[in-house]
Amino acid sequence: MKNKLFITGVLVVLISSTIGGIVASKVLTNDQVVSDQMKNYTSLMAAIEDNYVEKVNTQKVVVGSINGLLRALDPHSNFLDEEAFSSLQEEQHGSFYGLGITIQSINGILTVISP
């Protein structure tokens, strides 16, 4: 009986270790792929900065590449830099598009203040 329990325990440990190893290798492989892609990106950025004919606005290039990354995932996604995000917040403060109303909190209650 003890021998069967010991063998079962050893099998559970071996199976768990094998599954854990497979999962860990996939995670490490994915991390390595991302790391390699980031190295390619930084190498490309360095080559652009060193070899482009005109002076490069690095911030503009990075924001453009982030937008490209998001559009590759979803054509309706955009990245807003700090200035664009602040502008958007100012434009939409208290307004909800599609309903045609403006709301405000009055005494802790959301109230329509203009139709």
PDB file of N, CA and C in Angstrom:
ATOM      1  N   MET A   1       0.828  -1.192   0.000  1.00  0.00           N
ATOM      2  CA  MET A   1       0.000   0.000   0.000  1.00  0.00           C
ATOM      3  C   MET A   1       0.870   1.253   0.000  1.00  0.00           C
ATOM      4  N   LYS A   2       1.892   1.255   0.858  1.00  0.00           N
ATOM      5  CA  LYS A   2       2.784   2.409   0.906  1.00  0.00           C
ATOM      6  C   LYS A   2       3.525   2.569  -0.418  1.00  0.00           C
ATOM      7  N   ASN A   3       3.855   1.432  -1.038  1.00  0.00           N
ATOM      8  CA  ASN A   3       4.571   1.455  -2.305  1.00  0.00           C
ATOM      9  C   ASN A   3       3.712   2.096  -3.404  1.00  0.00           C
ATOM     10  N   LYS A   4       2.395   1.755  -3.448  1.00  0.00           N
ATOM     11  CA  LYS A   4       1.487   2.341  -4.436  1.00  0.00           C
ATOM     12  C   LYS A   4       1.351   3.848  -4.205  1.00  0.00           C
ATOM     13  N   LEU A   5       1.250   4.252  -2.945  1.00  0.00           N
ATOM     14  CA  LEU A   5       1.130   5.664  -2.603  1.00  0.00           C
ATOM     15  C   LEU A   5       2.394   6.415  -3.016  1.00  0.00           C
ATOM     16  N   PHE A   6       3.546   5.806  -2.785  1.00  0.00           N
ATOM     17  CA  PHE A   6       4.817   6.422  -3.158  1.00  0.00           C
ATOM     18  C   PHE A   6       4.906   6.582  -4.675  1.00  0.00           C
ATOM     19  N   ILE A   7       4.551   5.538  -5.416  1.00  0.00           N
ATOM     20  CA  ILE A   7       4.599   5.584  -6.884  1.00  0.00           C
ATOM     21  C   ILE A   7       3.618   6.627  -7.411  1.00  0.00           C
ATOM     22  N   THR A   8       2.426   6.697  -6.830  1.00  0.00           N
ATOM     23  CA  THR A   8       1.439   7.699  -7.236  1.00  0.00           C
ATOM     24  C   THR A   8       1.978   9.103  -6.985  1.00  0.00           C
ATOM     25  N   GLY A   9       2.585   9.302  -5.832  1.00  0.00           N
ATOM     26  CA  GLY A   9       3.170  10.608  -5.505  1.00  0.00           C
ATOM     27  C   GLY A   9       4.261  10.999  -6.481  1.00  0.00           C
ATOM     28  N   VAL A  10       5.127  10.037  -6.809  1.00  0.00           N
ATOM     29  CA  VAL A  10       6.209  10.306  -7.761  1.00  0.00           C
ATOM     30  C   VAL A  10       5.634  10.650  -9.134  1.00  0.00           C
ATOM     31  N   LEU A  11       4.609   9.921  -9.574  1.00  0.00           N
ATOM     32  CA  LEU A  11       3.981  10.206 -10.869  1.00  0.00           C
ATOM     33  C   LEU A  11       3.348  11.598 -10.897  1.00  0.00           C
ATOM     34  N   VAL A  12       2.677  11.969  -9.808  1.00  0.00           N
ATOM     35  CA  VAL A  12       2.058  13.296  -9.729  1.00  0.00           C
ATOM     36  C   VAL A  12       3.133  14.381  -9.826  1.00  0.00           C
ATOM     37  N   VAL A  13       4.237  14.189  -9.109  1.00  0.00           N
ATOM     38  CA  VAL A  13       5.323  15.168  -9.150  1.00  0.00           C
ATOM     39  C   VAL A  13       5.919  15.250 -10.554  1.00  0.00           C
ATOM     40  N   LEU A  14       6.146  14.112 -11.196  1.00  0.00           N
ATOM     41  CA  LEU A  14       6.718  14.098 -12.545  1.00  0.00           C
ATOM     42  C   LEU A  14       5.794  14.768 -13.558  1.00  0.00           C
ATOM     43  N   ILE A  15       4.509  14.439 -13.486  1.00  0.00           N
ATOM     44  CA  ILE A  15       3.546  15.035 -14.415  1.00  0.00           C
ATOM     45  C   ILE A  15       3.445  16.541 -14.180  1.00  0.00           C
ATOM     46  N   SER A  16       3.373  16.942 -12.908  1.00  0.00           N
ATOM     47  CA  SER A  16       3.299  18.370 -12.585  1.00  0.00           C
ATOM     48  C   SER A  16       4.546  19.101 -13.058  1.00  0.00           C
ATOM     49  N   SER A  17       5.700  18.495 -12.853  1.00  0.00           N
ATOM     50  CA  SER A  17       6.954  19.115 -13.290  1.00  0.00           C
ATOM     51  C   SER A  17       7.002  19.246 -14.802  1.00  0.00           C
ATOM     52  N   THR A  18       6.548  18.224 -15.502  1.00  0.00           N
ATOM     53  CA  THR A  18       6.545  18.263 -16.966  1.00  0.00           C
ATOM     54  C   THR A  18       5.618  19.356 -17.473  1.00  0.00           C
ATOM     55  N   ILE A  19       4.408  19.408 -16.934  1.00  0.00           N
ATOM     56  CA  ILE A  19       3.450  20.435 -17.352  1.00  0.00           C
ATOM     57  C   ILE A  19       3.980  21.823 -16.998  1.00  0.00           C
ATOM     58  N   GLY A  20       4.513  21.962 -15.792  1.00  0.00           N
ATOM     59  CA  GLY A  20       5.091  23.249 -15.385  1.00  0.00           C
ATOM     60  C   GLY A  20       6.232  23.668 -16.294  1.00  0.00           C
ATOM     61  N   GLY A  21       7.067  22.717 -16.682  1.00  0.00           N
ATOM     62  CA  GLY A  21       8.174  23.018 -17.586  1.00  0.00           C
ATOM     63  C   GLY A  21       7.698  23.469 -18.946  1.00  0.00           C
ATOM     64  N   ILE A  22       6.665  22.819 -19.460  1.00  0.00           N
ATOM     65  CA  ILE A  22       6.116  23.193 -20.766  1.00  0.00           C
ATOM     66  C   ILE A  22       5.540  24.606 -20.712  1.00  0.00           C
ATOM     67  N   VAL A  23       4.756  24.882 -19.670  1.00  0.00           N
ATOM     68  CA  VAL A  23       4.155  26.210 -19.526  1.00  0.00           C
ATOM     69  C   VAL A  23       5.244  27.266 -19.369  1.00  0.00           C
ATOM     70  N   ALA A  24       6.231  26.994 -18.525  1.00  0.00           N
ATOM     71  CA  ALA A  24       7.310  27.959 -18.303  1.00  0.00           C
ATOM     72  C   ALA A  24       8.099  28.214 -19.581  1.00  0.00           C
ATOM     73  N   SER A  25       8.333  27.173 -20.365  1.00  0.00           N
ATOM     74  CA  SER A  25       9.098  27.366 -21.603  1.00  0.00           C
ATOM     75  C   SER A  25       8.327  28.224 -22.593  1.00  0.00           C
ATOM     76  N   LYS A  26       6.992  28.074 -22.633  1.00  0.00           N
ATOM     77  CA  LYS A  26       6.187  28.907 -23.525  1.00  0.00           C
ATOM     78  C   LYS A  26       6.220  30.360 -23.069  1.00  0.00           C
ATOM     79  N   VAL A  27       6.140  30.593 -21.760  1.00  0.00           N
ATOM     80  CA  VAL A  27       6.202  31.956 -21.232  1.00  0.00           C
ATOM     81  C   VAL A  27       7.554  32.568 -21.548  1.00  0.00           C
ATOM     82  N   LEU A  28       8.628  31.818 -21.306  1.00  0.00           N
ATOM     83  CA  LEU A  28       9.963  32.327 -21.597  1.00  0.00           C
ATOM     84  C   LEU A  28      10.142  32.571 -23.084  1.00  0.00           C
ATOM     85  N   THR A  29       9.595  31.696 -23.912  1.00  0.00           N
ATOM     86  CA  THR A  29       9.689  31.874 -25.357  1.00  0.00           C
ATOM     87  C   THR A  29       8.976  33.151 -25.776  1.00  0.00           C
ATOM     88  N   ASN A  30       7.773  33.393 -25.250  1.00  0.00           N
ATOM     89  CA  ASN A  30       7.033  34.612 -25.571  1.00  0.00           C
ATOM     90  C   ASN A  30       7.791  35.845 -25.100  1.00  0.00           C
ATOM     91  N   ASP A  31       8.360  35.786 -23.889  1.00  0.00           N
ATOM     92  CA  ASP A  31       9.145  36.907 -23.380  1.00  0.00           C
ATOM     93  C   ASP A  31      10.355  37.156 -24.266  1.00  0.00           C
ATOM     94  N   GLN A  32      10.986  36.090 -24.736  1.00  0.00           N
ATOM     95  CA  GLN A  32      12.154  36.230 -25.601  1.00  0.00           C
ATOM     96  C   GLN A  32      11.767  36.855 -26.936  1.00  0.00           C
ATOM     97  N   VAL A  33      10.615  36.459 -27.473  1.00  0.00           N
ATOM     98  CA  VAL A  33      10.144  37.033 -28.738  1.00  0.00           C
ATOM     99  C   VAL A  33       9.917  38.527 -28.570  1.00  0.00           C
ATOM    100  N   VAL A  34       9.252  38.916 -27.486  1.00  0.00           N
ATOM    101  CA  VAL A  34       9.000  40.334 -27.227  1.00  0.00           C
ATOM    102  C   VAL A  34      10.323  41.070 -27.053  1.00  0.00           C
ATOM    103  N   SER A  35      11.245  40.478 -26.315  1.00  0.00           N
ATOM    104  CA  SER A  35      12.551  41.096 -26.104  1.00  0.00           C
ATOM    105  C   SER A  35      13.288  41.288 -27.426  1.00  0.00           C
ATOM    106  N   ASP A  36      13.261  40.284 -28.286  1.00  0.00           N
ATOM    107  CA  ASP A  36      13.912  40.392 -29.595  1.00  0.00           C
ATOM    108  C   ASP A  36      13.255  41.479 -30.446  1.00  0.00           C
ATOM    109  N   GLN A  37      11.928  41.559 -30.389  1.00  0.00           N
ATOM    110  CA  GLN A  37      11.219  42.578 -31.161  1.00  0.00           C
ATOM    111  C   GLN A  37      11.547  43.983 -30.648  1.00  0.00           C
ATOM    112  N   MET A  38      11.667  44.130 -29.331  1.00  0.00           N
ATOM    113  CA  MET A  38      12.031  45.430 -28.765  1.00  0.00           C
ATOM    114  C   MET A  38      13.452  45.817 -29.163  1.00  0.00           C
ATOM    115  N   LYS A  39      14.353  44.843 -29.216  1.00  0.00           N
ATOM    116  CA  LYS A  39      15.720  45.127 -29.677  1.00  0.00           C
ATOM    117  C   LYS A  39      15.694  45.598 -31.123  1.00  0.00           C
ATOM    118  N   ASN A  40      14.884  44.955 -31.960  1.00  0.00           N
ATOM    119  CA  ASN A  40      14.749  45.386 -33.358  1.00  0.00           C
ATOM    120  C   ASN A  40      14.216  46.813 -33.441  1.00  0.00           C
ATOM    121  N   TYR A  41      13.220  47.117 -32.608  1.00  0.00           N
ATOM    122  CA  TYR A  41      12.615  48.450 -32.604  1.00  0.00           C
ATOM    123  C   TYR A  41      13.640  49.504 -32.200  1.00  0.00           C
ATOM    124  N   THR A  42      14.377  49.247 -31.118  1.00  0.00           N
ATOM    125  CA  THR A  42      15.358  50.236 -30.665  1.00  0.00           C
ATOM    126  C   THR A  42      16.506  50.373 -31.665  1.00  0.00           C
ATOM    127  N   SER A  43      16.886  49.283 -32.313  1.00  0.00           N
ATOM    128  CA  SER A  43      17.924  49.363 -33.350  1.00  0.00           C
ATOM    129  C   SER A  43      17.440  50.206 -34.524  1.00  0.00           C
ATOM    130  N   LEU A  44      16.189  50.013 -34.904  1.00  0.00           N
ATOM    131  CA  LEU A  44      15.613  50.795 -35.991  1.00  0.00           C
ATOM    132  C   LEU A  44      15.553  52.274 -35.622  1.00  0.00           C
ATOM    133  N   MET A  45      15.122  52.580 -34.403  1.00  0.00           N
ATOM    134  CA  MET A  45      15.064  53.973 -33.953  1.00  0.00           C
ATOM    135  C   MET A  45      16.456  54.603 -33.986  1.00  0.00           C
ATOM    136  N   ALA A  46      17.460  53.871 -33.519  1.00  0.00           N
ATOM    137  CA  ALA A  46      18.831  54.393 -33.526  1.00  0.00           C
ATOM    138  C   ALA A  46      19.307  54.638 -34.953  1.00  0.00           C
ATOM    139  N   ALA A  47      19.000  53.716 -35.859  1.00  0.00           N
ATOM    140  CA  ALA A  47      19.404  53.876 -37.260  1.00  0.00           C
ATOM    141  C   ALA A  47      18.722  55.089 -37.890  1.00  0.00           C
ATOM    142  N   ILE A  48      17.455  55.294 -37.568  1.00  0.00           N
ATOM    143  CA  ILE A  48      16.727  56.454 -38.095  1.00  0.00           C
ATOM    144  C   ILE A  48      17.358  57.739 -37.576  1.00  0.00           C
ATOM    145  N   GLU A  49      17.601  57.804 -36.266  1.00  0.00           N
ATOM    146  CA  GLU A  49      18.183  59.011 -35.678  1.00  0.00           C
ATOM    147  C   GLU A  49      19.572  59.300 -36.237  1.00  0.00           C
ATOM    148  N   ASP A  50      20.354  58.263 -36.496  1.00  0.00           N
ATOM    149  CA  ASP A  50      21.724  58.442 -36.986  1.00  0.00           C
ATOM    150  C   ASP A  50      21.800  58.719 -38.482  1.00  0.00           C
ATOM    151  N   ASN A  51      20.866  58.198 -39.263  1.00  0.00           N
ATOM    152  CA  ASN A  51      21.022  58.217 -40.713  1.00  0.00           C
ATOM    153  C   ASN A  51      19.965  58.991 -41.488  1.00  0.00           C
ATOM    154  N   TYR A  52      18.900  59.419 -40.834  1.00  0.00           N
ATOM    155  CA  TYR A  52      17.851  60.119 -41.564  1.00  0.00           C
ATOM    156  C   TYR A  52      18.380  61.469 -42.034  1.00  0.00           C
ATOM    157  N   VAL A  53      17.934  61.914 -43.189  1.00  0.00           N
ATOM    158  CA  VAL A  53      18.461  63.128 -43.808  1.00  0.00           C
ATOM    159  C   VAL A  53      18.231  64.351 -42.924  1.00  0.00           C
ATOM    160  N   GLU A  54      17.039  64.469 -42.374  1.00  0.00           N
ATOM    161  CA  GLU A  54      16.691  65.628 -41.547  1.00  0.00           C
ATOM    162  C   GLU A  54      16.724  65.248 -40.074  1.00  0.00           C
ATOM    163  N   LYS A  55      16.664  66.282 -39.210  1.00  0.00           N
ATOM    164  CA  LYS A  55      16.613  66.027 -37.768  1.00  0.00           C
ATOM    165  C   LYS A  55      15.300  65.320 -37.447  1.00  0.00           C
ATOM    166  N   VAL A  56      15.380  64.289 -36.623  1.00  0.00           N
ATOM    167  CA  VAL A  56      14.216  63.460 -36.315  1.00  0.00           C
ATOM    168  C   VAL A  56      13.563  63.937 -35.020  1.00  0.00           C
ATOM    169  N   ASN A  57      12.248  64.128 -35.067  1.00  0.00           N
ATOM    170  CA  ASN A  57      11.477  64.408 -33.860  1.00  0.00           C
ATOM    171  C   ASN A  57      11.120  63.049 -33.249  1.00  0.00           C
ATOM    172  N   THR A  58      11.947  62.604 -32.303  1.00  0.00           N
ATOM    173  CA  THR A  58      11.797  61.261 -31.731  1.00  0.00           C
ATOM    174  C   THR A  58      10.421  61.065 -31.107  1.00  0.00           C
ATOM    175  N   GLN A  59       9.929  62.076 -30.410  1.00  0.00           N
ATOM    176  CA  GLN A  59       8.615  61.969 -29.763  1.00  0.00           C
ATOM    177  C   GLN A  59       7.531  61.705 -30.805  1.00  0.00           C
ATOM    178  N   LYS A  60       7.603  62.410 -31.925  1.00  0.00           N
ATOM    179  CA  LYS A  60       6.613  62.236 -32.988  1.00  0.00           C
ATOM    180  C   LYS A  60       6.685  60.825 -33.578  1.00  0.00           C
ATOM    181  N   VAL A  61       7.899  60.314 -33.755  1.00  0.00           N
ATOM    182  CA  VAL A  61       8.075  58.965 -34.303  1.00  0.00           C
ATOM    183  C   VAL A  61       7.534  57.916 -33.333  1.00  0.00           C
ATOM    184  N   VAL A  62       7.813  58.086 -32.038  1.00  0.00           N
ATOM    185  CA  VAL A  62       7.349  57.115 -31.035  1.00  0.00           C
ATOM    186  C   VAL A  62       5.824  57.127 -30.952  1.00  0.00           C
ATOM    187  N   VAL A  63       5.222  58.309 -30.910  1.00  0.00           N
ATOM    188  CA  VAL A  63       3.757  58.399 -30.854  1.00  0.00           C
ATOM    189  C   VAL A  63       3.151  57.775 -32.114  1.00  0.00           C
ATOM    190  N   GLY A  64       3.761  58.019 -33.267  1.00  0.00           N
ATOM    191  CA  GLY A  64       3.280  57.417 -34.509  1.00  0.00           C
ATOM    192  C   GLY A  64       3.379  55.902 -34.486  1.00  0.00           C
ATOM    193  N   SER A  65       4.465  55.386 -33.918  1.00  0.00           N
ATOM    194  CA  SER A  65       4.616  53.927 -33.863  1.00  0.00           C
ATOM    195  C   SER A  65       3.629  53.310 -32.876  1.00  0.00           C
ATOM    196  N   ILE A  66       3.336  54.011 -31.791  1.00  0.00           N
ATOM    197  CA  ILE A  66       2.331  53.511 -30.840  1.00  0.00           C
ATOM    198  C   ILE A  66       0.963  53.480 -31.516  1.00  0.00           C
ATOM    199  N   ASN A  67       0.639  54.536 -32.267  1.00  0.00           N
ATOM    200  CA  ASN A  67      -0.629  54.552 -33.007  1.00  0.00           C
ATOM    201  C   ASN A  67      -0.700  53.403 -33.996  1.00  0.00           C
ATOM    202  N   GLY A  68       0.412  53.136 -34.687  1.00  0.00           N
ATOM    203  CA  GLY A  68       0.450  52.022 -35.629  1.00  0.00           C
ATOM    204  C   GLY A  68       0.237  50.692 -34.941  1.00  0.00           C
ATOM    205  N   LEU A  69       0.832  50.535 -33.773  1.00  0.00           N
ATOM    206  CA  LEU A  69       0.669  49.305 -32.996  1.00  0.00           C
ATOM    207  C   LEU A  69      -0.794  49.103 -32.613  1.00  0.00           C
ATOM    208  N   LEU A  70      -1.436  50.157 -32.140  1.00  0.00           N
ATOM    209  CA  LEU A  70      -2.840  50.048 -31.743  1.00  0.00           C
ATOM    210  C   LEU A  70      -3.746  49.800 -32.944  1.00  0.00           C
ATOM    211  N   ARG A  71      -3.466  50.441 -34.064  1.00  0.00           N
ATOM    212  CA  ARG A  71      -4.285  50.238 -35.267  1.00  0.00           C
ATOM    213  C   ARG A  71      -4.136  48.822 -35.814  1.00  0.00           C
ATOM    214  N   ALA A  72      -2.972  48.213 -35.597  1.00  0.00           N
ATOM    215  CA  ALA A  72      -2.787  46.820 -36.021  1.00  0.00           C
ATOM    216  C   ALA A  72      -3.689  45.896 -35.212  1.00  0.00           C
ATOM    217  N   LEU A  73      -3.983  46.280 -33.977  1.00  0.00           N
ATOM    218  CA  LEU A  73      -4.872  45.486 -33.128  1.00  0.00           C
ATOM    219  C   LEU A  73      -6.334  45.792 -33.411  1.00  0.00           C
ATOM    220  N   ASP A  74      -6.637  47.081 -33.593  1.00  0.00           N
ATOM    221  CA  ASP A  74      -8.017  47.524 -33.756  1.00  0.00           C
ATOM    222  C   ASP A  74      -8.004  48.828 -34.552  1.00  0.00           C
ATOM    223  N   PRO A  75      -8.603  48.852 -35.735  1.00  0.00           N
ATOM    224  CA  PRO A  75      -8.542  50.058 -36.569  1.00  0.00           C
ATOM    225  C   PRO A  75      -9.239  51.273 -35.957  1.00  0.00           C
ATOM    226  N   HIS A  76      -9.987  51.087 -34.895  1.00  0.00           N
ATOM    227  CA  HIS A  76     -10.702  52.198 -34.268  1.00  0.00           C
ATOM    228  C   HIS A  76      -9.999  52.725 -33.025  1.00  0.00           C
ATOM    229  N   SER A  77      -8.837  52.170 -32.691  1.00  0.00           N
ATOM    230  CA  SER A  77      -8.092  52.605 -31.509  1.00  0.00           C
ATOM    231  C   SER A  77      -7.100  53.693 -31.879  1.00  0.00           C
ATOM    232  N   ASN A  78      -6.949  54.653 -30.987  1.00  0.00           N
ATOM    233  CA  ASN A  78      -5.976  55.729 -31.158  1.00  0.00           C
ATOM    234  C   ASN A  78      -5.241  55.949 -29.851  1.00  0.00           C
ATOM    235  N   PHE A  79      -3.998  56.374 -29.963  1.00  0.00           N
ATOM    236  CA  PHE A  79      -3.218  56.769 -28.799  1.00  0.00           C
ATOM    237  C   PHE A  79      -3.237  58.285 -28.738  1.00  0.00           C
ATOM    238  N   LEU A  80      -3.572  58.821 -27.588  1.00  0.00           N
ATOM    239  CA  LEU A  80      -3.578  60.266 -27.417  1.00  0.00           C
ATOM    240  C   LEU A  80      -2.384  60.651 -26.558  1.00  0.00           C
ATOM    241  N   ASP A  81      -1.559  61.565 -27.074  1.00  0.00           N
ATOM    242  CA  ASP A  81      -0.474  62.057 -26.235  1.00  0.00           C
ATOM    243  C   ASP A  81      -1.080  62.951 -25.155  1.00  0.00           C
ATOM    244  N   GLU A  82      -0.252  63.440 -24.263  1.00  0.00           N
ATOM    245  CA  GLU A  82      -0.758  64.192 -23.108  1.00  0.00           C
ATOM    246  C   GLU A  82      -1.561  65.417 -23.533  1.00  0.00           C
ATOM    247  N   GLU A  83      -1.078  66.138 -24.532  1.00  0.00           N
ATOM    248  CA  GLU A  83      -1.764  67.345 -24.991  1.00  0.00           C
ATOM    249  C   GLU A  83      -3.120  67.015 -25.620  1.00  0.00           C
ATOM    250  N   ALA A  84      -3.161  65.997 -26.462  1.00  0.00           N
ATOM    251  CA  ALA A  84      -4.414  65.609 -27.110  1.00  0.00           C
ATOM    252  C   ALA A  84      -5.418  65.081 -26.090  1.00  0.00           C
ATOM    253  N   PHE A  85      -4.925  64.340 -25.086  1.00  0.00           N
ATOM    254  CA  PHE A  85      -5.821  63.811 -24.057  1.00  0.00           C
ATOM    255  C   PHE A  85      -6.419  64.942 -23.228  1.00  0.00           C
ATOM    256  N   SER A  86      -5.605  65.933 -22.858  1.00  0.00           N
ATOM    257  CA  SER A  86      -6.119  67.081 -22.099  1.00  0.00           C
ATOM    258  C   SER A  86      -7.171  67.829 -22.900  1.00  0.00           C
ATOM    259  N   SER A  87      -6.902  68.013 -24.184  1.00  0.00           N
ATOM    260  CA  SER A  87      -7.855  68.699 -25.055  1.00  0.00           C
ATOM    261  C   SER A  87      -9.173  67.933 -25.137  1.00  0.00           C
ATOM    262  N   LEU A  88      -9.087  66.624 -25.279  1.00  0.00           N
ATOM    263  CA  LEU A  88     -10.287  65.794 -25.344  1.00  0.00           C
ATOM    264  C   LEU A  88     -11.086  65.891 -24.049  1.00  0.00           C
ATOM    265  N   GLN A  89     -10.389  65.868 -22.907  1.00  0.00           N
ATOM    266  CA  GLN A  89     -11.088  65.975 -21.625  1.00  0.00           C
ATOM    267  C   GLN A  89     -11.811  67.309 -21.504  1.00  0.00           C
ATOM    268  N   GLU A  90     -11.175  68.392 -21.959  1.00  0.00           N
ATOM    269  CA  GLU A  90     -11.813  69.709 -21.899  1.00  0.00           C
ATOM    270  C   GLU A  90     -13.058  69.753 -22.780  1.00  0.00           C
ATOM    271  N   GLU A  91     -12.958  69.164 -23.969  1.00  0.00           N
ATOM    272  CA  GLU A  91     -14.089  69.173 -24.901  1.00  0.00           C
ATOM    273  C   GLU A  91     -15.269  68.365 -24.377  1.00  0.00           C
ATOM    274  N   GLN A  92     -14.985  67.255 -23.702  1.00  0.00           N
ATOM    275  CA  GLN A  92     -16.052  66.341 -23.302  1.00  0.00           C
ATOM    276  C   GLN A  92     -16.478  66.502 -21.850  1.00  0.00           C
ATOM    277  N   HIS A  93     -15.918  67.441 -21.131  1.00  0.00           N
ATOM    278  CA  HIS A  93     -16.250  67.600 -19.715  1.00  0.00           C
ATOM    279  C   HIS A  93     -17.742  67.861 -19.544  1.00  0.00           C
ATOM    280  N   GLY A  94     -18.424  66.898 -18.953  1.00  0.00           N
ATOM    281  CA  GLY A  94     -19.846  67.054 -18.668  1.00  0.00           C
ATOM    282  C   GLY A  94     -20.759  66.812 -19.852  1.00  0.00           C
ATOM    283  N   SER A  95     -20.221  66.445 -20.989  1.00  0.00           N
ATOM    284  CA  SER A  95     -21.045  66.222 -22.174  1.00  0.00           C
ATOM    285  C   SER A  95     -20.977  64.768 -22.597  1.00  0.00           C
ATOM    286  N   PHE A  96     -22.092  64.259 -23.031  1.00  0.00           N
ATOM    287  CA  PHE A  96     -22.150  62.906 -23.550  1.00  0.00           C
ATOM    288  C   PHE A  96     -22.718  62.980 -24.951  1.00  0.00           C
ATOM    289  N   TYR A  97     -21.900  62.604 -25.917  1.00  0.00           N
ATOM    290  CA  TYR A  97     -22.315  62.704 -27.308  1.00  0.00           C
ATOM    291  C   TYR A  97     -23.304  61.601 -27.650  1.00  0.00           C
ATOM    292  N   GLY A  98     -24.237  61.942 -28.497  1.00  0.00           N
ATOM    293  CA  GLY A  98     -25.246  60.984 -28.911  1.00  0.00           C
ATOM    294  C   GLY A  98     -26.570  61.237 -28.213  1.00  0.00           C
ATOM    295  N   LEU A  99     -26.520  61.765 -27.011  1.00  0.00           N
ATOM    296  CA  LEU A  99     -27.750  62.069 -26.286  1.00  0.00           C
ATOM    297  C   LEU A  99     -28.149  63.526 -26.460  1.00  0.00           C
ATOM    298  N   GLY A 100     -27.190  64.382 -26.748  1.00  0.00           N
ATOM    299  CA  GLY A 100     -27.479  65.795 -26.924  1.00  0.00           C
ATOM    300  C   GLY A 100     -27.757  66.508 -25.617  1.00  0.00           C
ATOM    301  N   ILE A 101     -27.198  66.010 -24.522  1.00  0.00           N
ATOM    302  CA  ILE A 101     -27.433  66.635 -23.225  1.00  0.00           C
ATOM    303  C   ILE A 101     -26.102  66.966 -22.556  1.00  0.00           C
ATOM    304  N   THR A 102     -26.183  67.883 -21.614  1.00  0.00           N
ATOM    305  CA  THR A 102     -25.056  68.183 -20.736  1.00  0.00           C
ATOM    306  C   THR A 102     -25.533  67.925 -19.319  1.00  0.00           C
ATOM    307  N   ILE A 103     -24.715  67.213 -18.544  1.00  0.00           N
ATOM    308  CA  ILE A 103     -25.111  66.912 -17.170  1.00  0.00           C
ATOM    309  C   ILE A 103     -24.129  67.548 -16.204  1.00  0.00           C
ATOM    310  N   GLN A 104     -24.600  67.704 -14.978  1.00  0.00           N
ATOM    311  CA  GLN A 104     -23.772  68.252 -13.913  1.00  0.00           C
ATOM    312  C   GLN A 104     -24.240  67.626 -12.607  1.00  0.00           C
ATOM    313  N   SER A 105     -23.328  67.504 -11.660  1.00  0.00           N
ATOM    314  CA  SER A 105     -23.693  66.990 -10.347  1.00  0.00           C
ATOM    315  C   SER A 105     -24.180  68.153  -9.493  1.00  0.00           C
ATOM    316  N   ILE A 106     -25.434  68.087  -9.075  1.00  0.00           N
ATOM    317  CA  ILE A 106     -26.008  69.109  -8.202  1.00  0.00           C
ATOM    318  C   ILE A 106     -26.449  68.419  -6.923  1.00  0.00           C
ATOM    319  N   ASN A 107     -25.848  68.810  -5.822  1.00  0.00           N
ATOM    320  CA  ASN A 107     -26.104  68.183  -4.516  1.00  0.00           C
ATOM    321  C   ASN A 107     -25.918  66.673  -4.576  1.00  0.00           C
ATOM    322  N   GLY A 108     -24.905  66.233  -5.320  1.00  0.00           N
ATOM    323  CA  GLY A 108     -24.597  64.811  -5.405  1.00  0.00           C
ATOM    324  C   GLY A 108     -25.496  64.024  -6.339  1.00  0.00           C
ATOM    325  N   ILE A 109     -26.375  64.718  -7.055  1.00  0.00           N
ATOM    326  CA  ILE A 109     -27.296  64.046  -7.974  1.00  0.00           C
ATOM    327  C   ILE A 109     -26.971  64.496  -9.397  1.00  0.00           C
ATOM    328  N   LEU A 110     -26.797  63.518 -10.303  1.00  0.00           N
ATOM    329  CA  LEU A 110     -26.570  63.871 -11.699  1.00  0.00           C
ATOM    330  C   LEU A 110     -27.837  64.489 -12.267  1.00  0.00           C
ATOM    331  N   THR A 111     -27.684  65.686 -12.848  1.00  0.00           N
ATOM    332  CA  THR A 111     -28.830  66.438 -13.333  1.00  0.00           C
ATOM    333  C   THR A 111     -28.561  66.906 -14.756  1.00  0.00           C
ATOM    334  N   VAL A 112     -29.564  66.769 -15.629  1.00  0.00           N
ATOM    335  CA  VAL A 112     -29.459  67.293 -16.987  1.00  0.00           C
ATOM    336  C   VAL A 112     -29.620  68.799 -16.893  1.00  0.00           C
ATOM    337  N   ILE A 113     -28.582  69.540 -17.349  1.00  0.00           N
ATOM    338  CA  ILE A 113     -28.667  71.001 -17.241  1.00  0.00           C
ATOM    339  C   ILE A 113     -28.970  71.668 -18.575  1.00  0.00           C
ATOM    340  N   SER A 114     -28.821  70.924 -19.686  1.00  0.00           N
ATOM    341  CA  SER A 114     -29.263  71.467 -20.975  1.00  0.00           C
ATOM    342  C   SER A 114     -29.614  70.316 -21.908  1.00  0.00           C
ATOM    343  N   PRO A 115     -30.780  70.432 -22.540  1.00  0.00           N
ATOM    344  CA  PRO A 115     -31.219  69.362 -23.441  1.00  0.00           C
ATOM    345  C   PRO A 115     -30.482  69.383 -24.768  1.00  0.00           C
TER     346      PRO A 115
END
